[in-house]
Amino acid sequence: MGVITCTDEYTSPIPPARLFKALVLDAHNLVPNLMPQAVKSIDTLQGDGRAGSIKQINFAEGMSS
């Protein structure tokens, strides 16, 4: 297991607080709906979703991690 860091910059009409909530705090709900062909589900294994929590990403059939 390792750490992956990616940095991108985009402009959006959506307020930063709303984007953060959707992309970070609610990603376990949002990502499987946006990319069902790639991500089957995201499960929280330990913690309450805040810093230090452990999440498992379950990829769709035929996808590799």
PDB file of N, CA and C in Angstrom:
ATOM      1  N   MET A   1       0.833  -1.158   0.000  1.00  0.00           N
ATOM      2  CA  MET A   1       0.000   0.000   0.000  1.00  0.00           C
ATOM      3  C   MET A   1       0.888   1.235   0.000  1.00  0.00           C
ATOM      4  N   GLY A   2       0.420   2.319  -0.618  1.00  0.00           N
ATOM      5  CA  GLY A   2       1.216   3.527  -0.682  1.00  0.00           C
ATOM      6  C   GLY A   2       0.350   4.760  -0.695  1.00  0.00           C
ATOM      7  N   VAL A   3       0.993   5.884  -0.798  1.00  0.00           N
ATOM      8  CA  VAL A   3       0.304   7.166  -0.836  1.00  0.00           C
ATOM      9  C   VAL A   3       0.413   7.724  -2.239  1.00  0.00           C
ATOM     10  N   ILE A   4      -0.712   8.183  -2.774  1.00  0.00           N
ATOM     11  CA  ILE A   4      -0.743   8.803  -4.094  1.00  0.00           C
ATOM     12  C   ILE A   4      -1.181  10.244  -3.915  1.00  0.00           C
ATOM     13  N   THR A   5      -0.460  11.178  -4.510  1.00  0.00           N
ATOM     14  CA  THR A   5      -0.814  12.588  -4.438  1.00  0.00           C
ATOM     15  C   THR A   5      -1.000  13.133  -5.838  1.00  0.00           C
ATOM     16  N   CYS A   6      -2.142  13.781  -6.063  1.00  0.00           N
ATOM     17  CA  CYS A   6      -2.438  14.407  -7.354  1.00  0.00           C
ATOM     18  C   CYS A   6      -2.865  15.842  -7.101  1.00  0.00           C
ATOM     19  N   THR A   7      -2.463  16.748  -7.959  1.00  0.00           N
ATOM     20  CA  THR A   7      -2.838  18.143  -7.824  1.00  0.00           C
ATOM     21  C   THR A   7      -3.359  18.647  -9.162  1.00  0.00           C
ATOM     22  N   ASP A   8      -4.563  19.195  -9.153  1.00  0.00           N
ATOM     23  CA  ASP A   8      -5.172  19.808 -10.326  1.00  0.00           C
ATOM     24  C   ASP A   8      -5.863  21.085  -9.882  1.00  0.00           C
ATOM     25  N   GLU A   9      -6.072  22.002 -10.814  1.00  0.00           N
ATOM     26  CA  GLU A   9      -6.757  23.242 -10.500  1.00  0.00           C
ATOM     27  C   GLU A   9      -7.831  23.484 -11.545  1.00  0.00           C
ATOM     28  N   TYR A  10      -9.059  23.748 -11.079  1.00  0.00           N
ATOM     29  CA  TYR A  10     -10.197  23.974 -11.957  1.00  0.00           C
ATOM     30  C   TYR A  10     -10.984  25.184 -11.466  1.00  0.00           C
ATOM     31  N   THR A  11     -11.705  25.820 -12.371  1.00  0.00           N
ATOM     32  CA  THR A  11     -12.631  26.885 -11.970  1.00  0.00           C
ATOM     33  C   THR A  11     -14.033  26.300 -12.001  1.00  0.00           C
ATOM     34  N   SER A  12     -14.886  26.756 -11.076  1.00  0.00           N
ATOM     35  CA  SER A  12     -16.241  26.226 -10.979  1.00  0.00           C
ATOM     36  C   SER A  12     -17.182  27.293 -10.442  1.00  0.00           C
ATOM     37  N   PRO A  13     -18.421  27.311 -10.938  1.00  0.00           N
ATOM     38  CA  PRO A  13     -19.406  28.257 -10.392  1.00  0.00           C
ATOM     39  C   PRO A  13     -19.952  27.799  -9.036  1.00  0.00           C
ATOM     40  N   ILE A  14     -19.620  26.564  -8.626  1.00  0.00           N
ATOM     41  CA  ILE A  14     -20.106  26.017  -7.354  1.00  0.00           C
ATOM     42  C   ILE A  14     -19.195  26.502  -6.230  1.00  0.00           C
ATOM     43  N   PRO A  15     -19.771  26.961  -5.114  1.00  0.00           N
ATOM     44  CA  PRO A  15     -18.958  27.466  -3.999  1.00  0.00           C
ATOM     45  C   PRO A  15     -17.998  26.396  -3.465  1.00  0.00           C
ATOM     46  N   PRO A  16     -16.789  26.794  -3.046  1.00  0.00           N
ATOM     47  CA  PRO A  16     -15.790  25.847  -2.555  1.00  0.00           C
ATOM     48  C   PRO A  16     -16.281  24.949  -1.421  1.00  0.00           C
ATOM     49  N   ALA A  17     -17.051  25.480  -0.493  1.00  0.00           N
ATOM     50  CA  ALA A  17     -17.538  24.670   0.630  1.00  0.00           C
ATOM     51  C   ALA A  17     -18.437  23.540   0.145  1.00  0.00           C
ATOM     52  N   ARG A  18     -19.265  23.816  -0.860  1.00  0.00           N
ATOM     53  CA  ARG A  18     -20.155  22.787  -1.392  1.00  0.00           C
ATOM     54  C   ARG A  18     -19.364  21.723  -2.167  1.00  0.00           C
ATOM     55  N   LEU A  19     -18.362  22.147  -2.919  1.00  0.00           N
ATOM     56  CA  LEU A  19     -17.506  21.198  -3.635  1.00  0.00           C
ATOM     57  C   LEU A  19     -16.758  20.299  -2.660  1.00  0.00           C
ATOM     58  N   PHE A  20     -16.206  20.879  -1.604  1.00  0.00           N
ATOM     59  CA  PHE A  20     -15.480  20.097  -0.600  1.00  0.00           C
ATOM     60  C   PHE A  20     -16.390  19.047   0.019  1.00  0.00           C
ATOM     61  N   LYS A  21     -17.599  19.458   0.394  1.00  0.00           N
ATOM     62  CA  LYS A  21     -18.542  18.521   1.007  1.00  0.00           C
ATOM     63  C   LYS A  21     -18.847  17.372   0.057  1.00  0.00           C
ATOM     64  N   ALA A  22     -19.094  17.667  -1.217  1.00  0.00           N
ATOM     65  CA  ALA A  22     -19.437  16.622  -2.187  1.00  0.00           C
ATOM     66  C   ALA A  22     -18.244  15.725  -2.511  1.00  0.00           C
ATOM     67  N   LEU A  23     -17.086  16.318  -2.765  1.00  0.00           N
ATOM     68  CA  LEU A  23     -15.932  15.557  -3.236  1.00  0.00           C
ATOM     69  C   LEU A  23     -15.139  14.869  -2.131  1.00  0.00           C
ATOM     70  N   VAL A  24     -15.212  15.378  -0.912  1.00  0.00           N
ATOM     71  CA  VAL A  24     -14.434  14.794   0.182  1.00  0.00           C
ATOM     72  C   VAL A  24     -15.343  14.109   1.211  1.00  0.00           C
ATOM     73  N   LEU A  25     -16.282  14.841   1.749  1.00  0.00           N
ATOM     74  CA  LEU A  25     -17.100  14.296   2.827  1.00  0.00           C
ATOM     75  C   LEU A  25     -18.158  13.310   2.330  1.00  0.00           C
ATOM     76  N   ASP A  26     -18.720  13.543   1.138  1.00  0.00           N
ATOM     77  CA  ASP A  26     -19.769  12.672   0.596  1.00  0.00           C
ATOM     78  C   ASP A  26     -19.287  11.836  -0.584  1.00  0.00           C
ATOM     79  N   ALA A  27     -17.978  11.691  -0.749  1.00  0.00           N
ATOM     80  CA  ALA A  27     -17.430  10.954  -1.901  1.00  0.00           C
ATOM     81  C   ALA A  27     -17.907   9.510  -1.926  1.00  0.00           C
ATOM     82  N   HIS A  28     -18.119   8.903  -0.756  1.00  0.00           N
ATOM     83  CA  HIS A  28     -18.571   7.511  -0.713  1.00  0.00           C
ATOM     84  C   HIS A  28     -19.945   7.338  -1.357  1.00  0.00           C
ATOM     85  N   ASN A  29     -20.749   8.394  -1.389  1.00  0.00           N
ATOM     86  CA  ASN A  29     -22.050   8.355  -2.070  1.00  0.00           C
ATOM     87  C   ASN A  29     -21.948   8.850  -3.509  1.00  0.00           C
ATOM     88  N   LEU A  30     -21.148   9.871  -3.735  1.00  0.00           N
ATOM     89  CA  LEU A  30     -21.073  10.534  -5.032  1.00  0.00           C
ATOM     90  C   LEU A  30     -20.317   9.725  -6.088  1.00  0.00           C
ATOM     91  N   VAL A  31     -19.144   9.231  -5.765  1.00  0.00           N
ATOM     92  CA  VAL A  31     -18.284   8.566  -6.752  1.00  0.00           C
ATOM     93  C   VAL A  31     -18.942   7.332  -7.382  1.00  0.00           C
ATOM     94  N   PRO A  32     -19.537   6.415  -6.604  1.00  0.00           N
ATOM     95  CA  PRO A  32     -20.178   5.258  -7.253  1.00  0.00           C
ATOM     96  C   PRO A  32     -21.329   5.648  -8.184  1.00  0.00           C
ATOM     97  N   ASN A  33     -22.007   6.766  -7.901  1.00  0.00           N
ATOM     98  CA  ASN A  33     -23.088   7.229  -8.769  1.00  0.00           C
ATOM     99  C   ASN A  33     -22.566   7.899 -10.034  1.00  0.00           C
ATOM    100  N   LEU A  34     -21.433   8.590  -9.918  1.00  0.00           N
ATOM    101  CA  LEU A  34     -20.852   9.264 -11.084  1.00  0.00           C
ATOM    102  C   LEU A  34     -20.093   8.301 -11.989  1.00  0.00           C
ATOM    103  N   MET A  35     -19.492   7.267 -11.408  1.00  0.00           N
ATOM    104  CA  MET A  35     -18.660   6.329 -12.163  1.00  0.00           C
ATOM    105  C   MET A  35     -19.028   4.880 -11.847  1.00  0.00           C
ATOM    106  N   PRO A  36     -20.275   4.463 -12.107  1.00  0.00           N
ATOM    107  CA  PRO A  36     -20.664   3.088 -11.760  1.00  0.00           C
ATOM    108  C   PRO A  36     -19.913   2.023 -12.554  1.00  0.00           C
ATOM    109  N   GLN A  37     -19.379   2.385 -13.719  1.00  0.00           N
ATOM    110  CA  GLN A  37     -18.621   1.435 -14.520  1.00  0.00           C
ATOM    111  C   GLN A  37     -17.253   1.159 -13.913  1.00  0.00           C
ATOM    112  N   ALA A  38     -16.785   2.027 -13.016  1.00  0.00           N
ATOM    113  CA  ALA A  38     -15.458   1.885 -12.431  1.00  0.00           C
ATOM    114  C   ALA A  38     -15.495   1.555 -10.934  1.00  0.00           C
ATOM    115  N   VAL A  39     -16.391   2.186 -10.180  1.00  0.00           N
ATOM    116  CA  VAL A  39     -16.426   2.019  -8.726  1.00  0.00           C
ATOM    117  C   VAL A  39     -17.781   1.458  -8.307  1.00  0.00           C
ATOM    118  N   LYS A  40     -17.747   0.265  -7.706  1.00  0.00           N
ATOM    119  CA  LYS A  40     -18.981  -0.379  -7.263  1.00  0.00           C
ATOM    120  C   LYS A  40     -19.505   0.270  -5.982  1.00  0.00           C
ATOM    121  N   SER A  41     -18.610   0.470  -5.004  1.00  0.00           N
ATOM    122  CA  SER A  41     -18.998   1.094  -3.740  1.00  0.00           C
ATOM    123  C   SER A  41     -17.760   1.522  -2.967  1.00  0.00           C
ATOM    124  N   ILE A  42     -17.981   2.370  -1.968  1.00  0.00           N
ATOM    125  CA  ILE A  42     -16.921   2.780  -1.052  1.00  0.00           C
ATOM    126  C   ILE A  42     -17.456   2.540   0.359  1.00  0.00           C
ATOM    127  N   ASP A  43     -16.775   1.685   1.113  1.00  0.00           N
ATOM    128  CA  ASP A  43     -17.213   1.310   2.457  1.00  0.00           C
ATOM    129  C   ASP A  43     -16.258   1.863   3.502  1.00  0.00           C
ATOM    130  N   THR A  44     -16.805   2.377   4.600  1.00  0.00           N
ATOM    131  CA  THR A  44     -15.992   2.822   5.725  1.00  0.00           C
ATOM    132  C   THR A  44     -15.723   1.618   6.613  1.00  0.00           C
ATOM    133  N   LEU A  45     -14.447   1.252   6.740  1.00  0.00           N
ATOM    134  CA  LEU A  45     -14.067   0.103   7.550  1.00  0.00           C
ATOM    135  C   LEU A  45     -13.838   0.476   9.005  1.00  0.00           C
ATOM    136  N   GLN A  46     -13.321   1.695   9.215  1.00  0.00           N
ATOM    137  CA  GLN A  46     -13.003   2.125  10.574  1.00  0.00           C
ATOM    138  C   GLN A  46     -13.126   3.634  10.637  1.00  0.00           C
ATOM    139  N   GLY A  47     -13.739   4.156  11.683  1.00  0.00           N
ATOM    140  CA  GLY A  47     -13.874   5.586  11.870  1.00  0.00           C
ATOM    141  C   GLY A  47     -15.237   6.090  11.438  1.00  0.00           C
ATOM    142  N   ASP A  48     -15.378   7.405  11.491  1.00  0.00           N
ATOM    143  CA  ASP A  48     -16.665   8.030  11.160  1.00  0.00           C
ATOM    144  C   ASP A  48     -16.582   8.885   9.901  1.00  0.00           C
ATOM    145  N   GLY A  49     -15.555   8.693   9.097  1.00  0.00           N
ATOM    146  CA  GLY A  49     -15.411   9.443   7.855  1.00  0.00           C
ATOM    147  C   GLY A  49     -14.502  10.645   7.967  1.00  0.00           C
ATOM    148  N   ARG A  50     -14.154  11.015   9.188  1.00  0.00           N
ATOM    149  CA  ARG A  50     -13.257  12.154   9.367  1.00  0.00           C
ATOM    150  C   ARG A  50     -11.810  11.694   9.244  1.00  0.00           C
ATOM    151  N   ALA A  51     -10.882  12.589   9.491  1.00  0.00           N
ATOM    152  CA  ALA A  51      -9.457  12.282   9.386  1.00  0.00           C
ATOM    153  C   ALA A  51      -9.117  11.043  10.201  1.00  0.00           C
ATOM    154  N   GLY A  52      -8.350  10.138   9.593  1.00  0.00           N
ATOM    155  CA  GLY A  52      -7.941   8.914  10.256  1.00  0.00           C
ATOM    156  C   GLY A  52      -8.838   7.724   9.963  1.00  0.00           C
ATOM    157  N   SER A  53      -9.966   7.966   9.289  1.00  0.00           N
ATOM    158  CA  SER A  53     -10.868   6.864   8.938  1.00  0.00           C
ATOM    159  C   SER A  53     -10.240   6.016   7.844  1.00  0.00           C
ATOM    160  N   ILE A  54     -10.654   4.766   7.772  1.00  0.00           N
ATOM    161  CA  ILE A  54     -10.166   3.838   6.746  1.00  0.00           C
ATOM    162  C   ILE A  54     -11.345   3.460   5.865  1.00  0.00           C
ATOM    163  N   LYS A  55     -11.195   3.699   4.555  1.00  0.00           N
ATOM    164  CA  LYS A  55     -12.257   3.373   3.602  1.00  0.00           C
ATOM    165  C   LYS A  55     -11.739   2.370   2.579  1.00  0.00           C
ATOM    166  N   GLN A  56     -12.625   1.487   2.155  1.00  0.00           N
ATOM    167  CA  GLN A  56     -12.295   0.487   1.142  1.00  0.00           C
ATOM    168  C   GLN A  56     -13.058   0.838  -0.128  1.00  0.00           C
ATOM    169  N   ILE A  57     -12.339   0.951  -1.250  1.00  0.00           N
ATOM    170  CA  ILE A  57     -12.965   1.214  -2.550  1.00  0.00           C
ATOM    171  C   ILE A  57     -13.123  -0.118  -3.249  1.00  0.00           C
ATOM    172  N   ASN A  58     -14.355  -0.464  -3.597  1.00  0.00           N
ATOM    173  CA  ASN A  58     -14.666  -1.704  -4.291  1.00  0.00           C
ATOM    174  C   ASN A  58     -14.872  -1.381  -5.771  1.00  0.00           C
ATOM    175  N   PHE A  59     -13.943  -1.855  -6.595  1.00  0.00           N
ATOM    176  CA  PHE A  59     -14.003  -1.565  -8.026  1.00  0.00           C
ATOM    177  C   PHE A  59     -15.013  -2.467  -8.714  1.00  0.00           C
ATOM    178  N   ALA A  60     -15.575  -1.975  -9.810  1.00  0.00           N
ATOM    179  CA  ALA A  60     -16.524  -2.746 -10.603  1.00  0.00           C
ATOM    180  C   ALA A  60     -15.813  -3.920 -11.264  1.00  0.00           C
ATOM    181  N   GLU A  61     -16.581  -4.899 -11.661  1.00  0.00           N
ATOM    182  CA  GLU A  61     -16.053  -6.088 -12.335  1.00  0.00           C
ATOM    183  C   GLU A  61     -15.212  -5.689 -13.535  1.00  0.00           C
ATOM    184  N   GLY A  62     -14.012  -6.236 -13.627  1.00  0.00           N
ATOM    185  CA  GLY A  62     -13.128  -5.958 -14.764  1.00  0.00           C
ATOM    186  C   GLY A  62     -12.217  -4.762 -14.581  1.00  0.00           C
ATOM    187  N   MET A  63     -12.383  -4.005 -13.504  1.00  0.00           N
ATOM    188  CA  MET A  63     -11.528  -2.848 -13.231  1.00  0.00           C
ATOM    189  C   MET A  63     -10.407  -3.293 -12.297  1.00  0.00           C
ATOM    190  N   SER A  64      -9.240  -2.671 -12.433  1.00  0.00           N
ATOM    191  CA  SER A  64      -8.138  -2.983 -11.533  1.00  0.00           C
ATOM    192  C   SER A  64      -7.791  -1.770 -10.701  1.00  0.00           C
ATOM    193  N   SER A  65      -7.200  -1.988  -9.550  1.00  0.00           N
ATOM    194  CA  SER A  65      -6.846  -0.878  -8.657  1.00  0.00           C
ATOM    195  C   SER A  65      -5.505  -0.283  -8.998  1.00  0.00           C
TER     196      SER A  65
END
